[in-house]
Amino acid sequence: MNKMEKLVIYATKRGSSKKYAEAFAQKHGYPIYEQGGVPSEDFAGSKKLYYFGSVYAGRVFQLNKLKEKCREGMEITVVPVGLSSKNDQEKMVEIRKGIIEIFPEAEIFYMRGRLSYKELSFPEKILIKMINKESKKKESQNKLDIEKAIGQVVEEDGVDFINLNELEVIE
């Protein structure tokens, strides 16, 4: 497969997925597009697709919209980017299940992102505060890594787990 037969697409609200996608595309010399901005001729000519999507409420952002554009036989690698860590097995299962429902044959590589409290909308801030309030009731050793990260977002104005070296595992 030549480089033009491979595409990198991302969907993000806060930029973590874009950062990973840009670094990956640059390293390999692949064309990169934001979800919804892929020219139809590029999509039609691609055989392999790398999709970097932010995770919200356990689902990969705009993954279902991508499915509408993909054709039979296209190889798909999905890279969900979220605050959970790979230690949060329950969350990883939830995310994987959502991807497999849409793309059963997809390769999946999870990455951790970043989140800044000041970038959140008012309803998102309320939700984050509610989650943090509930998780404060738990003993530290019983908290999921995502609950600890949300606590940092509220109490320290943000977290940043982006590690571009993790992209090495994706072929």
Protein backbone atom coordinates (compact mmCIF):
# COMPACT_ATOMS: atom_id res chain seq x y z
CA MET A 1 0.00 0.00 0.00
CA ASN A 2 1.45 3.38 -0.90
CA LYS A 3 1.18 6.39 1.40
CA MET A 4 -1.69 7.97 -0.51
CA GLU A 5 -3.79 4.86 0.07
CA LYS A 6 -3.64 5.58 3.80
CA LEU A 7 -5.55 8.38 5.53
CA VAL A 8 -5.52 9.87 9.00
CA ILE A 9 -8.78 11.36 10.26
CA TYR A 10 -9.48 12.87 13.66
CA ALA A 11 -12.49 14.11 15.63
CA THR A 12 -11.93 16.14 18.76
CA LYS A 13 -13.50 18.78 20.98
CA ARG A 14 -10.45 19.82 22.99
CA GLY A 15 -7.50 18.92 20.76
CA SER A 16 -5.97 15.75 22.23
CA SER A 17 -6.97 13.53 19.31
CA LYS A 18 -5.77 16.15 16.84
CA LYS A 19 -2.37 16.32 18.51
CA TYR A 20 -1.90 12.54 18.29
CA ALA A 21 -3.26 12.42 14.71
CA GLU A 22 -0.97 15.22 13.52
CA ALA A 23 2.12 13.61 15.03
CA PHE A 24 1.22 10.22 13.53
CA ALA A 25 0.44 11.61 10.07
CA GLN A 26 3.60 13.72 10.01
CA LYS A 27 5.82 10.80 11.01
CA HIS A 28 4.43 8.58 8.24
CA GLY A 29 3.75 11.22 5.60
CA TYR A 30 0.02 10.40 5.46
CA PRO A 31 -2.64 12.96 4.54
CA ILE A 32 -4.67 14.14 7.54
CA TYR A 33 -8.18 15.56 7.79
CA GLU A 34 -10.66 16.55 10.43
CA GLN A 35 -13.76 14.35 10.43
CA GLY A 36 -16.21 15.77 7.93
CA GLY A 37 -13.51 17.50 5.90
CA VAL A 38 -12.20 14.57 3.86
CA PRO A 39 -12.47 15.10 0.09
CA SER A 40 -14.52 12.28 -1.43
CA GLU A 41 -11.75 11.42 -3.92
CA ASP A 42 -9.23 10.93 -1.08
CA PHE A 43 -11.71 8.77 0.79
CA ALA A 44 -12.49 6.73 -2.33
CA GLY A 45 -8.80 6.12 -3.02
CA SER A 46 -7.86 5.02 0.48
CA LYS A 47 -7.52 1.41 1.61
CA LYS A 48 -6.35 2.00 5.17
CA LEU A 49 -7.82 4.51 7.61
CA TYR A 50 -6.47 5.65 10.97
CA TYR A 51 -9.17 7.31 13.05
CA PHE A 52 -8.19 9.30 16.15
CA GLY A 53 -11.31 10.16 18.15
CA SER A 54 -11.88 11.65 21.57
CA VAL A 55 -13.81 9.58 24.08
CA TYR A 56 -16.90 11.15 25.65
CA ALA A 57 -19.10 9.15 28.01
CA GLY A 58 -17.42 5.92 26.92
CA ARG A 59 -18.01 6.46 23.18
CA VAL A 60 -15.60 7.54 20.44
CA PHE A 61 -16.62 10.95 19.10
CA GLN A 62 -18.25 10.87 15.62
CA LEU A 63 -17.25 7.25 14.94
CA ASN A 64 -20.76 6.46 13.72
CA LYS A 65 -20.50 9.28 11.14
CA LEU A 66 -17.27 7.78 9.84
CA LYS A 67 -19.01 4.44 9.28
CA GLU A 68 -21.36 6.06 6.75
CA LYS A 69 -18.38 6.99 4.55
CA CYS A 70 -16.38 3.77 4.75
CA ARG A 71 -16.70 1.10 2.14
CA GLU A 72 -16.44 -2.66 2.37
CA GLY A 73 -12.91 -4.00 2.74
CA MET A 74 -11.34 -0.79 4.06
CA GLU A 75 -8.84 -1.46 6.86
CA ILE A 76 -9.64 0.59 9.95
CA THR A 77 -7.48 1.42 12.96
CA VAL A 78 -9.31 3.31 15.70
CA VAL A 79 -7.35 5.28 18.27
CA PRO A 80 -9.67 6.40 21.07
CA VAL A 81 -8.21 9.22 23.17
CA GLY A 82 -9.57 9.82 26.67
CA LEU A 83 -8.82 10.37 30.35
CA SER A 84 -9.16 6.75 31.42
CA SER A 85 -6.00 4.73 31.71
CA LYS A 86 -5.52 1.19 30.46
CA ASN A 87 -5.81 0.17 34.14
CA ASP A 88 -9.51 1.14 34.08
CA GLN A 89 -10.50 -2.24 32.66
CA GLU A 90 -14.24 -1.60 32.90
CA LYS A 91 -13.89 1.63 30.90
CA MET A 92 -11.60 -0.04 28.33
CA VAL A 93 -14.19 -2.78 27.79
CA GLU A 94 -16.94 -0.15 27.37
CA ILE A 95 -14.91 1.84 24.82
CA ARG A 96 -13.85 -1.29 22.91
CA LYS A 97 -17.43 -2.57 22.82
CA GLY A 98 -18.66 0.72 21.32
CA ILE A 99 -15.99 0.57 18.61
CA ILE A 100 -16.61 -3.08 17.76
CA GLU A 101 -20.36 -2.41 17.39
CA ILE A 102 -19.52 -0.02 14.55
CA PHE A 103 -16.28 -1.52 13.17
CA PRO A 104 -16.05 -5.21 14.20
CA GLU A 105 -12.72 -5.76 12.41
CA ALA A 106 -10.97 -2.58 13.61
CA GLU A 107 -7.57 -2.57 15.23
CA ILE A 108 -7.76 -0.53 18.45
CA PHE A 109 -4.98 1.38 20.23
CA TYR A 110 -5.98 3.49 23.26
CA MET A 111 -4.19 6.75 24.15
CA ARG A 112 -4.62 9.10 27.10
CA GLY A 113 -5.39 12.74 26.44
CA ARG A 114 -5.58 16.02 28.26
CA LEU A 115 -8.33 18.21 29.68
CA SER A 116 -8.36 21.76 31.00
CA TYR A 117 -11.15 22.89 33.32
CA LYS A 118 -11.31 26.38 31.83
CA GLU A 119 -11.98 24.92 28.34
CA LEU A 120 -15.16 23.20 29.52
CA SER A 121 -18.64 24.57 28.90
CA PHE A 122 -20.81 25.40 31.91
CA PRO A 123 -22.84 22.13 31.69
CA GLU A 124 -19.60 20.14 31.34
CA LYS A 125 -18.17 21.85 34.43
CA ILE A 126 -21.25 20.92 36.43
CA LEU A 127 -21.02 17.29 35.26
CA ILE A 128 -17.30 17.09 36.06
CA LYS A 129 -17.93 18.56 39.53
CA MET A 130 -20.72 16.03 40.18
CA ILE A 131 -18.48 13.12 39.15
CA ASN A 132 -15.69 14.49 41.34
CA LYS A 133 -18.03 14.90 44.32
CA GLU A 134 -19.14 11.25 44.02
CA SER A 135 -15.62 9.93 43.60
CA LYS A 136 -14.44 11.84 46.70
CA LYS A 137 -16.62 9.45 48.71
CA LYS A 138 -14.40 6.54 47.65
CA GLU A 139 -11.10 5.51 49.18
CA SER A 140 -8.19 6.48 46.94
CA GLN A 141 -7.26 2.86 46.19
CA ASN A 142 -10.85 2.19 44.99
CA LYS A 143 -10.97 5.05 42.51
CA LEU A 144 -10.59 4.50 38.80
CA ASP A 145 -7.79 6.42 37.12
CA ILE A 146 -10.41 8.47 35.27
CA GLU A 147 -11.91 9.53 38.61
CA LYS A 148 -8.48 10.60 39.82
CA ALA A 149 -7.94 12.53 36.57
CA ILE A 150 -11.32 14.26 36.90
CA GLY A 151 -10.33 15.25 40.44
CA GLN A 152 -7.16 16.83 39.05
CA VAL A 153 -9.17 18.67 36.39
CA VAL A 154 -11.40 20.20 39.06
CA GLU A 155 -8.79 20.83 41.75
CA GLU A 156 -5.70 21.63 39.66
CA ASP A 157 -7.42 23.10 36.55
CA GLY A 158 -6.40 20.24 34.30
CA VAL A 159 -4.45 17.14 33.40
CA ASP A 160 -2.22 16.26 30.47
CA PHE A 161 -1.38 12.62 29.80
CA ILE A 162 -0.42 13.03 26.15
CA ASN A 163 2.58 10.87 25.30
CA LEU A 164 3.41 10.93 21.59
CA ASN A 165 5.92 8.10 22.08
CA GLU A 166 2.96 5.75 22.53
CA LEU A 167 2.21 6.18 18.81
CA GLU A 168 5.11 3.78 18.12
CA VAL A 169 2.80 0.80 18.71
CA ILE A 170 0.58 1.72 15.75
CA GLU A 171 1.58 0.37 12.35
